[in-house]
PDB file of N, CA and C in Angstrom:
ATOM      1  N   MET A   1     107.334 149.350 116.260  1.00  0.00           N
ATOM      2  CA  MET A   1     107.131 147.654 115.484  1.00  0.00           C
ATOM      3  C   MET A   1     107.536 146.732 116.767  1.00  0.00           C
ATOM      4  N   LEU A   2     106.652 145.721 116.016  1.00  0.00           N
ATOM      5  CA  LEU A   2     106.373 144.656 117.431  1.00  0.00           C
ATOM      6  C   LEU A   2     107.531 143.574 116.841  1.00  0.00           C
ATOM      7  N   ALA A   3     108.778 143.454 117.446  1.00  0.00           N
ATOM      8  CA  ALA A   3     109.426 142.124 117.187  1.00  0.00           C
ATOM      9  C   ALA A   3     109.340 140.876 117.710  1.00  0.00           C
ATOM     10  N   LEU A   4     109.085 139.916 117.576  1.00  0.00           N
ATOM     11  CA  LEU A   4     108.533 138.573 117.587  1.00  0.00           C
ATOM     12  C   LEU A   4     109.835 137.643 117.437  1.00  0.00           C
ATOM     13  N   THR A   5     110.527 137.581 118.652  1.00  0.00           N
ATOM     14  CA  THR A   5     111.417 136.086 118.366  1.00  0.00           C
ATOM     15  C   THR A   5     111.052 134.771 118.735  1.00  0.00           C
ATOM     16  N   ARG A   6     111.438 133.659 117.829  1.00  0.00           N
ATOM     17  CA  ARG A   6     111.670 132.272 117.998  1.00  0.00           C
ATOM     18  C   ARG A   6     111.278 132.302 120.005  1.00  0.00           C
ATOM     19  N   HIS A   7     112.267 132.784 120.564  1.00  0.00           N
ATOM     20  CA  HIS A   7     112.433 132.460 122.213  1.00  0.00           C
ATOM     21  C   HIS A   7     111.141 133.053 122.808  1.00  0.00           C
ATOM     22  N   SER A   8     110.859 134.546 122.303  1.00  0.00           N
ATOM     23  CA  SER A   8     109.533 134.925 123.090  1.00  0.00           C
ATOM     24  C   SER A   8     108.239 134.135 122.707  1.00  0.00           C
ATOM     25  N   LEU A   9     108.140 133.822 121.692  1.00  0.00           N
ATOM     26  CA  LEU A   9     107.349 132.496 121.179  1.00  0.00           C
ATOM     27  C   LEU A   9     107.117 131.289 121.851  1.00  0.00           C
ATOM     28  N   LEU A  10     107.908 130.643 121.643  1.00  0.00           N
ATOM     29  CA  LEU A  10     108.191 129.462 122.617  1.00  0.00           C
ATOM     30  C   LEU A  10     108.341 129.151 123.835  1.00  0.00           C
ATOM     31  N   SER A  11     108.741 130.494 124.488  1.00  0.00           N
ATOM     32  CA  SER A  11     108.928 130.515 125.857  1.00  0.00           C
ATOM     33  C   SER A  11     107.172 130.008 126.829  1.00  0.00           C
ATOM     34  N   PRO A  12     106.925 130.239 126.146  1.00  0.00           N
ATOM     35  CA  PRO A  12     105.619 129.866 127.331  1.00  0.00           C
ATOM     36  C   PRO A  12     105.232 128.402 127.198  1.00  0.00           C
ATOM     37  N   LEU A  13     105.083 127.796 126.095  1.00  0.00           N
ATOM     38  CA  LEU A  13     105.555 126.478 125.880  1.00  0.00           C
ATOM     39  C   LEU A  13     106.189 125.360 126.183  1.00  0.00           C
ATOM     40  N   CYS A  14     107.836 126.225 126.441  1.00  0.00           N
ATOM     41  CA  CYS A  14     108.615 125.669 127.382  1.00  0.00           C
ATOM     42  C   CYS A  14     108.984 125.454 128.541  1.00  0.00           C
ATOM     43  N   SER A  15     107.804 126.277 129.318  1.00  0.00           N
ATOM     44  CA  SER A  15     107.639 126.057 130.614  1.00  0.00           C
ATOM     45  C   SER A  15     107.206 125.077 130.979  1.00  0.00           C
ATOM     46  N   VAL A  16     105.593 124.549 130.107  1.00  0.00           N
ATOM     47  CA  VAL A  16     104.753 123.667 130.085  1.00  0.00           C
ATOM     48  C   VAL A  16     105.464 122.086 129.796  1.00  0.00           C
ATOM     49  N   MET A  17     105.985 122.200 128.532  1.00  0.00           N
ATOM     50  CA  MET A  17     106.200 121.015 128.007  1.00  0.00           C
ATOM     51  C   MET A  17     107.726 120.841 128.289  1.00  0.00           C
ATOM     52  N   SER A  18     107.776 119.265 128.656  1.00  0.00           N
ATOM     53  CA  SER A  18     109.214 119.020 128.378  1.00  0.00           C
ATOM     54  C   SER A  18     109.496 118.682 126.975  1.00  0.00           C
ATOM     55  N   PHE A  19     110.488 118.622 126.526  1.00  0.00           N
ATOM     56  CA  PHE A  19     111.297 118.237 125.286  1.00  0.00           C
ATOM     57  C   PHE A  19     112.098 117.293 125.598  1.00  0.00           C
ATOM     58  N   ARG A  20     112.215 116.323 124.850  1.00  0.00           N
ATOM     59  CA  ARG A  20     112.717 115.253 124.863  1.00  0.00           C
ATOM     60  C   ARG A  20     113.365 114.738 123.800  1.00  0.00           C
ATOM     61  N   ARG A  21     115.152 114.798 122.940  1.00  0.00           N
ATOM     62  CA  ARG A  21     115.538 114.472 122.304  1.00  0.00           C
ATOM     63  C   ARG A  21     116.021 112.751 122.373  1.00  0.00           C
ATOM     64  N   SER A  22     115.466 112.232 121.457  1.00  0.00           N
ATOM     65  CA  SER A  22     116.180 110.336 121.543  1.00  0.00           C
ATOM     66  C   SER A  22     116.470 110.134 119.600  1.00  0.00           C
ATOM     67  N   TYR A  23     116.870 108.853 119.915  1.00  0.00           N
ATOM     68  CA  TYR A  23     117.493 108.136 118.771  1.00  0.00           C
ATOM     69  C   TYR A  23     117.231 106.998 118.913  1.00  0.00           C
ATOM     70  N   ARG A  24     116.377 106.283 117.982  1.00  0.00           N
ATOM     71  CA  ARG A  24     116.129 105.209 118.198  1.00  0.00           C
ATOM     72  C   ARG A  24     116.837 104.075 117.074  1.00  0.00           C
ATOM     73  N   GLY A  25     118.250 103.839 117.094  1.00  0.00           N
ATOM     74  CA  GLY A  25     119.148 102.934 115.868  1.00  0.00           C
ATOM     75  C   GLY A  25     119.720 101.561 116.495  1.00  0.00           C
ATOM     76  N   ASP A  26     120.074 101.279 115.207  1.00  0.00           N
ATOM     77  CA  ASP A  26     120.353  99.731 116.121  1.00  0.00           C
ATOM     78  C   ASP A  26     121.266  99.873 116.681  1.00  0.00           C
ATOM     79  N   SER A  27     121.502  98.906 117.741  1.00  0.00           N
ATOM     80  CA  SER A  27     123.048  99.160 119.120  1.00  0.00           C
ATOM     81  C   SER A  27     123.698  97.879 119.397  1.00  0.00           C
ATOM     82  N   PRO A  28     124.483  97.121 119.941  1.00  0.00           N
ATOM     83  CA  PRO A  28     124.361  96.503 120.548  1.00  0.00           C
ATOM     84  C   PRO A  28     123.631  95.834 121.433  1.00  0.00           C
ATOM     85  N   ALA A  29     123.211  97.072 122.068  1.00  0.00           N
ATOM     86  CA  ALA A  29     122.114  96.918 123.483  1.00  0.00           C
ATOM     87  C   ALA A  29     120.415  96.761 123.040  1.00  0.00           C
ATOM     88  N   ASP A  30     120.351  97.266 121.797  1.00  0.00           N
ATOM     89  CA  ASP A  30     118.940  97.075 121.204  1.00  0.00           C
ATOM     90  C   ASP A  30     118.591  95.398 120.605  1.00  0.00           C
ATOM     91  N   SER A  31     117.493  94.890 121.383  1.00  0.00           N
ATOM     92  CA  SER A  31     117.025  93.932 121.852  1.00  0.00           C
ATOM     93  C   SER A  31     116.349  93.734 120.185  1.00  0.00           C
ATOM     94  N   GLN A  32     115.500  94.817 119.685  1.00  0.00           N
ATOM     95  CA  GLN A  32     114.415  94.735 118.587  1.00  0.00           C
ATOM     96  C   GLN A  32     113.403  94.025 119.250  1.00  0.00           C
ATOM     97  N   LYS A  33     113.087  93.761 119.907  1.00  0.00           N
ATOM     98  CA  LYS A  33     111.647  93.261 120.644  1.00  0.00           C
ATOM     99  C   LYS A  33     110.633  93.637 120.217  1.00  0.00           C
ATOM    100  N   ASP A  34     110.557  95.033 119.827  1.00  0.00           N
ATOM    101  CA  ASP A  34     109.418  95.516 119.211  1.00  0.00           C
ATOM    102  C   ASP A  34     109.199  95.239 117.804  1.00  0.00           C
ATOM    103  N   LEU A  35     110.292  95.438 117.074  1.00  0.00           N
ATOM    104  CA  LEU A  35     109.971  94.822 116.050  1.00  0.00           C
ATOM    105  C   LEU A  35     108.997  93.859 115.441  1.00  0.00           C
ATOM    106  N   ILE A  36     107.840  94.037 114.810  1.00  0.00           N
ATOM    107  CA  ILE A  36     107.501  92.407 113.891  1.00  0.00           C
ATOM    108  C   ILE A  36     107.871  92.136 112.986  1.00  0.00           C
ATOM    109  N   GLU A  37     107.874  90.823 112.251  1.00  0.00           N
ATOM    110  CA  GLU A  37     108.451  89.953 111.362  1.00  0.00           C
ATOM    111  C   GLU A  37     106.650  90.001 110.462  1.00  0.00           C
ATOM    112  N   ILE A  38     106.548  90.478 109.136  1.00  0.00           N
ATOM    113  CA  ILE A  38     105.804  89.997 108.300  1.00  0.00           C
ATOM    114  C   ILE A  38     105.568  89.377 107.562  1.00  0.00           C
ATOM    115  N   PRO A  39     105.152  88.097 107.410  1.00  0.00           N
ATOM    116  CA  PRO A  39     105.703  87.052 106.199  1.00  0.00           C
ATOM    117  C   PRO A  39     105.237  87.431 105.460  1.00  0.00           C
ATOM    118  N   LEU A  40     105.792  87.295 103.896  1.00  0.00           N
ATOM    119  CA  LEU A  40     105.481  87.681 102.856  1.00  0.00           C
ATOM    120  C   LEU A  40     106.040  86.342 101.822  1.00  0.00           C
ATOM    121  N   PRO A  41     104.354  86.228 101.041  1.00  0.00           N
ATOM    122  CA  PRO A  41     104.292  85.084 100.018  1.00  0.00           C
ATOM    123  C   PRO A  41     105.456  84.830  99.410  1.00  0.00           C
ATOM    124  N   PRO A  42     106.038  83.732  99.025  1.00  0.00           N
ATOM    125  CA  PRO A  42     107.337  83.416  97.884  1.00  0.00           C
ATOM    126  C   PRO A  42     106.825  84.135  96.522  1.00  0.00           C
ATOM    127  N   TRP A  43     107.815  84.543  96.062  1.00  0.00           N
ATOM    128  CA  TRP A  43     108.241  85.149  94.501  1.00  0.00           C
ATOM    129  C   TRP A  43     107.775  83.909  93.879  1.00  0.00           C
ATOM    130  N   GLN A  44     106.989  83.925  92.799  1.00  0.00           N
ATOM    131  CA  GLN A  44     106.241  82.547  92.227  1.00  0.00           C
ATOM    132  C   GLN A  44     106.610  83.557  90.715  1.00  0.00           C
ATOM    133  N   GLU A  45     107.281  82.752  90.031  1.00  0.00           N
ATOM    134  CA  GLU A  45     107.560  83.173  88.252  1.00  0.00           C
ATOM    135  C   GLU A  45     106.157  82.967  87.669  1.00  0.00           C
ATOM    136  N   ARG A  46     105.739  83.462  87.032  1.00  0.00           N
ATOM    137  CA  ARG A  46     104.514  83.808  85.974  1.00  0.00           C
ATOM    138  C   ARG A  46     104.907  82.852  84.301  1.00  0.00           C
ATOM    139  N   THR A  47     104.700  81.420  84.650  1.00  0.00           N
ATOM    140  CA  THR A  47     104.926  80.950  83.316  1.00  0.00           C
ATOM    141  C   THR A  47     104.225  80.931  82.004  1.00  0.00           C
ATOM    142  N   ASP A  48     103.178  81.315  82.442  1.00  0.00           N
ATOM    143  CA  ASP A  48     101.799  81.180  81.307  1.00  0.00           C
ATOM    144  C   ASP A  48     101.263  82.698  80.532  1.00  0.00           C
ATOM    145  N   GLU A  49     102.719  83.466  80.896  1.00  0.00           N
ATOM    146  CA  GLU A  49     102.420  84.481  80.487  1.00  0.00           C
ATOM    147  C   GLU A  49     103.377  85.044  78.989  1.00  0.00           C
ATOM    148  N   SER A  50     102.786  85.588  77.782  1.00  0.00           N
ATOM    149  CA  SER A  50     103.633  86.367  76.900  1.00  0.00           C
ATOM    150  C   SER A  50     104.588  87.281  76.927  1.00  0.00           C
ATOM    151  N   ILE A  51     105.446  87.415  76.137  1.00  0.00           N
ATOM    152  CA  ILE A  51     105.958  88.249  76.355  1.00  0.00           C
ATOM    153  C   ILE A  51     106.179  89.348  76.594  1.00  0.00           C
ATOM    154  N   GLU A  52     104.722  90.172  75.768  1.00  0.00           N
ATOM    155  CA  GLU A  52     104.395  91.156  75.359  1.00  0.00           C
ATOM    156  C   GLU A  52     103.607  91.932  76.780  1.00  0.00           C
ATOM    157  N   THR A  53     102.781  90.524  77.160  1.00  0.00           N
ATOM    158  CA  THR A  53     102.032  90.775  78.711  1.00  0.00           C
ATOM    159  C   THR A  53     103.222  91.060  79.850  1.00  0.00           C
ATOM    160  N   LYS A  54     104.162  90.306  79.659  1.00  0.00           N
ATOM    161  CA  LYS A  54     105.129  90.092  80.889  1.00  0.00           C
ATOM    162  C   LYS A  54     105.841  92.260  80.771  1.00  0.00           C
ATOM    163  N   ARG A  55     106.150  92.417  79.568  1.00  0.00           N
ATOM    164  CA  ARG A  55     106.629  93.897  79.316  1.00  0.00           C
ATOM    165  C   ARG A  55     105.672  95.138  80.101  1.00  0.00           C
ATOM    166  N   ALA A  56     104.198  94.809  79.621  1.00  0.00           N
ATOM    167  CA  ALA A  56     103.503  95.512  79.570  1.00  0.00           C
ATOM    168  C   ALA A  56     103.211  95.555  81.365  1.00  0.00           C
ATOM    169  N   ARG A  57     103.670  94.243  82.279  1.00  0.00           N
ATOM    170  CA  ARG A  57     102.789  94.443  83.517  1.00  0.00           C
ATOM    171  C   ARG A  57     104.372  94.835  84.197  1.00  0.00           C
ATOM    172  N   LEU A  58     105.683  94.594  83.436  1.00  0.00           N
ATOM    173  CA  LEU A  58     106.306  95.144  84.403  1.00  0.00           C
ATOM    174  C   LEU A  58     106.763  96.458  84.290  1.00  0.00           C
ATOM    175  N   LEU A  59     106.789  96.719  83.281  1.00  0.00           N
ATOM    176  CA  LEU A  59     106.433  98.686  83.089  1.00  0.00           C
ATOM    177  C   LEU A  59     105.410  99.286  84.443  1.00  0.00           C
ATOM    178  N   TYR A  60     104.159  98.824  84.342  1.00  0.00           N
ATOM    179  CA  TYR A  60     103.223  99.102  84.978  1.00  0.00           C
ATOM    180  C   TYR A  60     103.927  98.962  86.472  1.00  0.00           C
ATOM    181  N   GLU A  61     104.110  97.641  86.675  1.00  0.00           N
ATOM    182  CA  GLU A  61     105.125  97.372  88.545  1.00  0.00           C
ATOM    183  C   GLU A  61     106.073  98.438  88.895  1.00  0.00           C
ATOM    184  N   SER A  62     106.389  98.841  87.762  1.00  0.00           N
ATOM    185  CA  SER A  62     108.018  99.640  87.628  1.00  0.00           C
ATOM    186  C   SER A  62     107.193 101.205  87.917  1.00  0.00           C
ATOM    187  N   ARG A  63     106.024 101.652  87.683  1.00  0.00           N
ATOM    188  CA  ARG A  63     105.778 102.793  87.723  1.00  0.00           C
ATOM    189  C   ARG A  63     104.433 102.970  89.126  1.00  0.00           C
ATOM    190  N   LYS A  64     104.456 101.743  89.793  1.00  0.00           N
ATOM    191  CA  LYS A  64     103.500 101.960  90.697  1.00  0.00           C
ATOM    192  C   LYS A  64     104.090 101.419  91.845  1.00  0.00           C
ATOM    193  N   ARG A  65     105.111 101.614  92.404  1.00  0.00           N
ATOM    194  CA  ARG A  65     105.680 101.287  93.424  1.00  0.00           C
ATOM    195  C   ARG A  65     105.592 101.582  95.164  1.00  0.00           C
ATOM    196  N   GLY A  66     105.807 101.386  96.068  1.00  0.00           N
ATOM    197  CA  GLY A  66     105.414 101.532  97.404  1.00  0.00           C
ATOM    198  C   GLY A  66     106.019 103.152  97.570  1.00  0.00           C
ATOM    199  N   MET A  67     107.030 103.375  96.885  1.00  0.00           N
ATOM    200  CA  MET A  67     107.318 105.191  96.970  1.00  0.00           C
ATOM    201  C   MET A  67     107.849 105.524  96.453  1.00  0.00           C
ATOM    202  N   LEU A  68     107.794 106.822  96.086  1.00  0.00           N
ATOM    203  CA  LEU A  68     107.922 107.678  94.526  1.00  0.00           C
ATOM    204  C   LEU A  68     109.496 107.555  94.220  1.00  0.00           C
ATOM    205  N   GLU A  69     110.646 107.601  94.854  1.00  0.00           N
ATOM    206  CA  GLU A  69     111.868 107.758  94.417  1.00  0.00           C
ATOM    207  C   GLU A  69     112.166 106.681  93.528  1.00  0.00           C
ATOM    208  N   ASN A  70     111.305 105.302  94.066  1.00  0.00           N
ATOM    209  CA  ASN A  70     111.488 104.061  93.336  1.00  0.00           C
ATOM    210  C   ASN A  70     110.767 103.997  92.111  1.00  0.00           C
ATOM    211  N   CYS A  71     109.048 104.757  91.899  1.00  0.00           N
ATOM    212  CA  CYS A  71     108.743 104.967  91.041  1.00  0.00           C
ATOM    213  C   CYS A  71     109.499 105.429  90.054  1.00  0.00           C
ATOM    214  N   ILE A  72     110.336 107.064  90.580  1.00  0.00           N
ATOM    215  CA  ILE A  72     110.617 107.502  89.398  1.00  0.00           C
ATOM    216  C   ILE A  72     111.754 106.676  88.621  1.00  0.00           C
ATOM    217  N   LEU A  73     112.623 106.175  89.990  1.00  0.00           N
ATOM    218  CA  LEU A  73     114.054 105.228  88.543  1.00  0.00           C
ATOM    219  C   LEU A  73     113.930 104.197  88.063  1.00  0.00           C
ATOM    220  N   LEU A  74     112.438 103.169  88.676  1.00  0.00           N
ATOM    221  CA  LEU A  74     112.313 102.161  87.814  1.00  0.00           C
ATOM    222  C   LEU A  74     111.766 102.564  87.197  1.00  0.00           C
ATOM    223  N   SER A  75     110.651 103.435  86.844  1.00  0.00           N
ATOM    224  CA  SER A  75     109.882 103.749  85.364  1.00  0.00           C
ATOM    225  C   SER A  75     110.871 103.777  84.342  1.00  0.00           C
ATOM    226  N   LEU A  76     111.481 105.440  84.698  1.00  0.00           N
ATOM    227  CA  LEU A  76     112.328 105.543  84.006  1.00  0.00           C
ATOM    228  C   LEU A  76     113.584 104.107  82.799  1.00  0.00           C
ATOM    229  N   PHE A  77     114.086 103.767  83.894  1.00  0.00           N
ATOM    230  CA  PHE A  77     114.716 102.152  83.281  1.00  0.00           C
ATOM    231  C   PHE A  77     113.804 101.758  82.933  1.00  0.00           C
ATOM    232  N   ALA A  78     112.686 101.069  83.194  1.00  0.00           N
ATOM    233  CA  ALA A  78     111.863 100.452  82.182  1.00  0.00           C
ATOM    234  C   ALA A  78     111.698 100.657  80.891  1.00  0.00           C
ATOM    235  N   LYS A  79     111.038 101.992  80.917  1.00  0.00           N
ATOM    236  CA  LYS A  79     110.635 102.636  79.982  1.00  0.00           C
ATOM    237  C   LYS A  79     111.952 102.770  78.534  1.00  0.00           C
ATOM    238  N   GLU A  80     113.148 102.722  79.215  1.00  0.00           N
ATOM    239  CA  GLU A  80     113.924 102.760  78.305  1.00  0.00           C
ATOM    240  C   GLU A  80     114.456 101.540  77.481  1.00  0.00           C
ATOM    241  N   TYR A  81     114.016 100.522  78.765  1.00  0.00           N
ATOM    242  CA  TYR A  81     115.102  99.109  78.241  1.00  0.00           C
ATOM    243  C   TYR A  81     114.428  97.842  78.272  1.00  0.00           C
ATOM    244  N   LEU A  82     113.160  98.264  78.656  1.00  0.00           N
ATOM    245  CA  LEU A  82     112.295  96.403  78.623  1.00  0.00           C
ATOM    246  C   LEU A  82     112.092  96.171  77.358  1.00  0.00           C
ATOM    247  N   HIS A  83     112.159  97.226  76.489  1.00  0.00           N
ATOM    248  CA  HIS A  83     111.757  96.485  75.411  1.00  0.00           C
ATOM    249  C   HIS A  83     113.058  95.822  74.493  1.00  0.00           C
ATOM    250  N   HIS A  84     113.731  95.907  75.347  1.00  0.00           N
ATOM    251  CA  HIS A  84     115.172  95.813  74.340  1.00  0.00           C
ATOM    252  C   HIS A  84     115.613  94.113  75.486  1.00  0.00           C
ATOM    253  N   MET A  85     114.785  93.990  76.109  1.00  0.00           N
ATOM    254  CA  MET A  85     115.584  92.841  77.036  1.00  0.00           C
ATOM    255  C   MET A  85     115.069  91.526  76.675  1.00  0.00           C
ATOM    256  N   THR A  86     115.780  90.254  76.876  1.00  0.00           N
ATOM    257  CA  THR A  86     115.381  89.120  76.293  1.00  0.00           C
ATOM    258  C   THR A  86     114.542  88.570  77.502  1.00  0.00           C
ATOM    259  N   GLU A  87     113.890  86.948  77.450  1.00  0.00           N
ATOM    260  CA  GLU A  87     112.834  87.253  77.895  1.00  0.00           C
ATOM    261  C   GLU A  87     113.665  86.527  79.686  1.00  0.00           C
ATOM    262  N   LYS A  88     115.308  85.966  79.281  1.00  0.00           N
ATOM    263  CA  LYS A  88     115.510  85.714  80.476  1.00  0.00           C
ATOM    264  C   LYS A  88     115.954  86.683  81.594  1.00  0.00           C
ATOM    265  N   GLN A  89     116.187  88.472  80.477  1.00  0.00           N
ATOM    266  CA  GLN A  89     116.228  89.322  81.240  1.00  0.00           C
ATOM    267  C   GLN A  89     115.347  89.997  81.667  1.00  0.00           C
ATOM    268  N   LEU A  90     114.009  89.975  81.447  1.00  0.00           N
ATOM    269  CA  LEU A  90     113.133  90.506  81.988  1.00  0.00           C
ATOM    270  C   LEU A  90     112.194  89.118  83.158  1.00  0.00           C
ATOM    271  N   ASN A  91     112.863  87.936  82.941  1.00  0.00           N
ATOM    272  CA  ASN A  91     112.515  87.528  84.179  1.00  0.00           C
ATOM    273  C   ASN A  91     113.259  87.906  85.277  1.00  0.00           C
ATOM    274  N   LEU A  92     114.719  88.056  85.376  1.00  0.00           N
ATOM    275  CA  LEU A  92     115.665  88.579  86.491  1.00  0.00           C
ATOM    276  C   LEU A  92     114.592  90.057  86.683  1.00  0.00           C
ATOM    277  N   TYR A  93     114.931  91.034  85.787  1.00  0.00           N
ATOM    278  CA  TYR A  93     114.007  92.506  86.567  1.00  0.00           C
ATOM    279  C   TYR A  93     112.759  91.854  86.675  1.00  0.00           C
ATOM    280  N   ASP A  94     111.838  91.389  86.593  1.00  0.00           N
ATOM    281  CA  ASP A  94     110.412  90.588  87.349  1.00  0.00           C
ATOM    282  C   ASP A  94     111.083  90.287  88.872  1.00  0.00           C
ATOM    283  N   ARG A  95     111.950  89.099  89.071  1.00  0.00           N
ATOM    284  CA  ARG A  95     112.522  88.447  90.206  1.00  0.00           C
ATOM    285  C   ARG A  95     112.956  90.343  91.007  1.00  0.00           C
ATOM    286  N   LEU A  96     113.982  90.591  90.428  1.00  0.00           N
ATOM    287  CA  LEU A  96     114.463  92.286  91.474  1.00  0.00           C
ATOM    288  C   LEU A  96     113.170  92.656  91.989  1.00  0.00           C
ATOM    289  N   ILE A  97     112.371  93.169  91.060  1.00  0.00           N
ATOM    290  CA  ILE A  97     111.379  94.527  91.416  1.00  0.00           C
ATOM    291  C   ILE A  97     110.000  93.575  92.688  1.00  0.00           C
ATOM    292  N   ASN A  98     109.843  92.016  92.299  1.00  0.00           N
ATOM    293  CA  ASN A  98     108.675  91.858  92.742  1.00  0.00           C
ATOM    294  C   ASN A  98     108.917  90.627  94.262  1.00  0.00           C
ATOM    295  N   GLU A  99     110.037  90.124  94.040  1.00  0.00           N
ATOM    296  CA  GLU A  99     110.409  89.072  95.288  1.00  0.00           C
ATOM    297  C   GLU A  99     109.891  90.133  96.235  1.00  0.00           C
ATOM    298  N   PRO A 100     109.908  89.184  97.057  1.00  0.00           N
ATOM    299  CA  PRO A 100     109.603  90.418  98.589  1.00  0.00           C
ATOM    300  C   PRO A 100     111.112  90.992  98.999  1.00  0.00           C
ATOM    301  N   SER A 101     110.998  91.817  99.376  1.00  0.00           N
ATOM    302  CA  SER A 101     112.251  92.686  99.683  1.00  0.00           C
ATOM    303  C   SER A 101     111.446  93.985 100.105  1.00  0.00           C
ATOM    304  N   ASN A 102     112.764  95.058 100.843  1.00  0.00           N
ATOM    305  CA  ASN A 102     112.232  96.300 100.811  1.00  0.00           C
ATOM    306  C   ASN A 102     112.635  97.222 100.066  1.00  0.00           C
ATOM    307  N   ASP A 103     111.519  98.474  99.749  1.00  0.00           N
ATOM    308  CA  ASP A 103     111.907  99.169  98.610  1.00  0.00           C
ATOM    309  C   ASP A 103     113.415  99.905  98.895  1.00  0.00           C
ATOM    310  N   TRP A 104     113.693 100.129 100.299  1.00  0.00           N
ATOM    311  CA  TRP A 104     114.659 101.248 100.864  1.00  0.00           C
ATOM    312  C   TRP A 104     116.043 100.149  99.674  1.00  0.00           C
ATOM    313  N   ASP A 105     115.774  98.763  99.721  1.00  0.00           N
ATOM    314  CA  ASP A 105     116.951  98.382  99.788  1.00  0.00           C
ATOM    315  C   ASP A 105     117.227  98.578  98.387  1.00  0.00           C
ATOM    316  N   ILE A 106     116.079  98.295  97.335  1.00  0.00           N
ATOM    317  CA  ILE A 106     116.073  98.713  95.986  1.00  0.00           C
ATOM    318  C   ILE A 106     116.916  99.812  95.507  1.00  0.00           C
ATOM    319  N   TYR A 107     115.814 100.544  96.227  1.00  0.00           N
ATOM    320  CA  TYR A 107     116.604 102.472  96.530  1.00  0.00           C
ATOM    321  C   TYR A 107     118.266 102.423  96.695  1.00  0.00           C
ATOM    322  N   TYR A 108     118.275 101.959  97.701  1.00  0.00           N
ATOM    323  CA  TYR A 108     120.172 102.021  97.773  1.00  0.00           C
ATOM    324  C   TYR A 108     120.686 101.272  97.536  1.00  0.00           C
ATOM    325  N   TRP A 109     120.840 100.213  96.477  1.00  0.00           N
ATOM    326  CA  TRP A 109     121.729  99.582  95.687  1.00  0.00           C
ATOM    327  C   TRP A 109     121.608 100.069  94.072  1.00  0.00           C
ATOM    328  N   ALA A 110     120.069 100.591  93.870  1.00  0.00           N
ATOM    329  CA  ALA A 110     120.115 101.562  92.710  1.00  0.00           C
ATOM    330  C   ALA A 110     121.113 102.505  92.247  1.00  0.00           C
ATOM    331  N   THR A 111     120.800 103.488  93.885  1.00  0.00           N
ATOM    332  CA  THR A 111     121.682 104.579  93.351  1.00  0.00           C
ATOM    333  C   THR A 111     122.925 104.690  94.120  1.00  0.00           C
ATOM    334  N   GLY A 112     123.522 103.599  94.666  1.00  0.00           N
ATOM    335  CA  GLY A 112     124.721 103.154  95.117  1.00  0.00           C
ATOM    336  C   GLY A 112     124.866 104.159  96.465  1.00  0.00           C
ATOM    337  N   THR A 113     123.834 104.605  97.459  1.00  0.00           N
ATOM    338  CA  THR A 113     124.018 104.876  98.555  1.00  0.00           C
ATOM    339  C   THR A 113     124.137 103.668  99.609  1.00  0.00           C
TER     340      THR A 113
END
C-alpha cells in the first residue's frame, strides 16, 4: 500500500517556497494609508412614489442585496412585515436599507453580533 502523508506531499514545495503568515487588522500603528474612501451619493427620499410601488420596490431591494446573508435576512423580514407597515415605517425601512452604509453593518446589527 502506498501511504501518502501531508508532509510527504508538501515537503518538496516547502523547500522551494517560503510561507509567511500575517494579519492586517486595525491597530494603533495602522495608518490606514492604503484605504480608499469612495464617495457615495446621499440618500434621497422618493416622494413621488405610491405606497404600493414603495412596498414592491422595498421588497425587491430587500431580496437583491450585495451579500447573501442580508438577502436572506431582509427578504424574509420584508415578506413578513412590509404589507403591515405604515408609510412612515416604510420610509424608515427604506432609509435603513438604502442609506449609504456597509451591508456588513446591517448584518451585524440585525444578528446582534
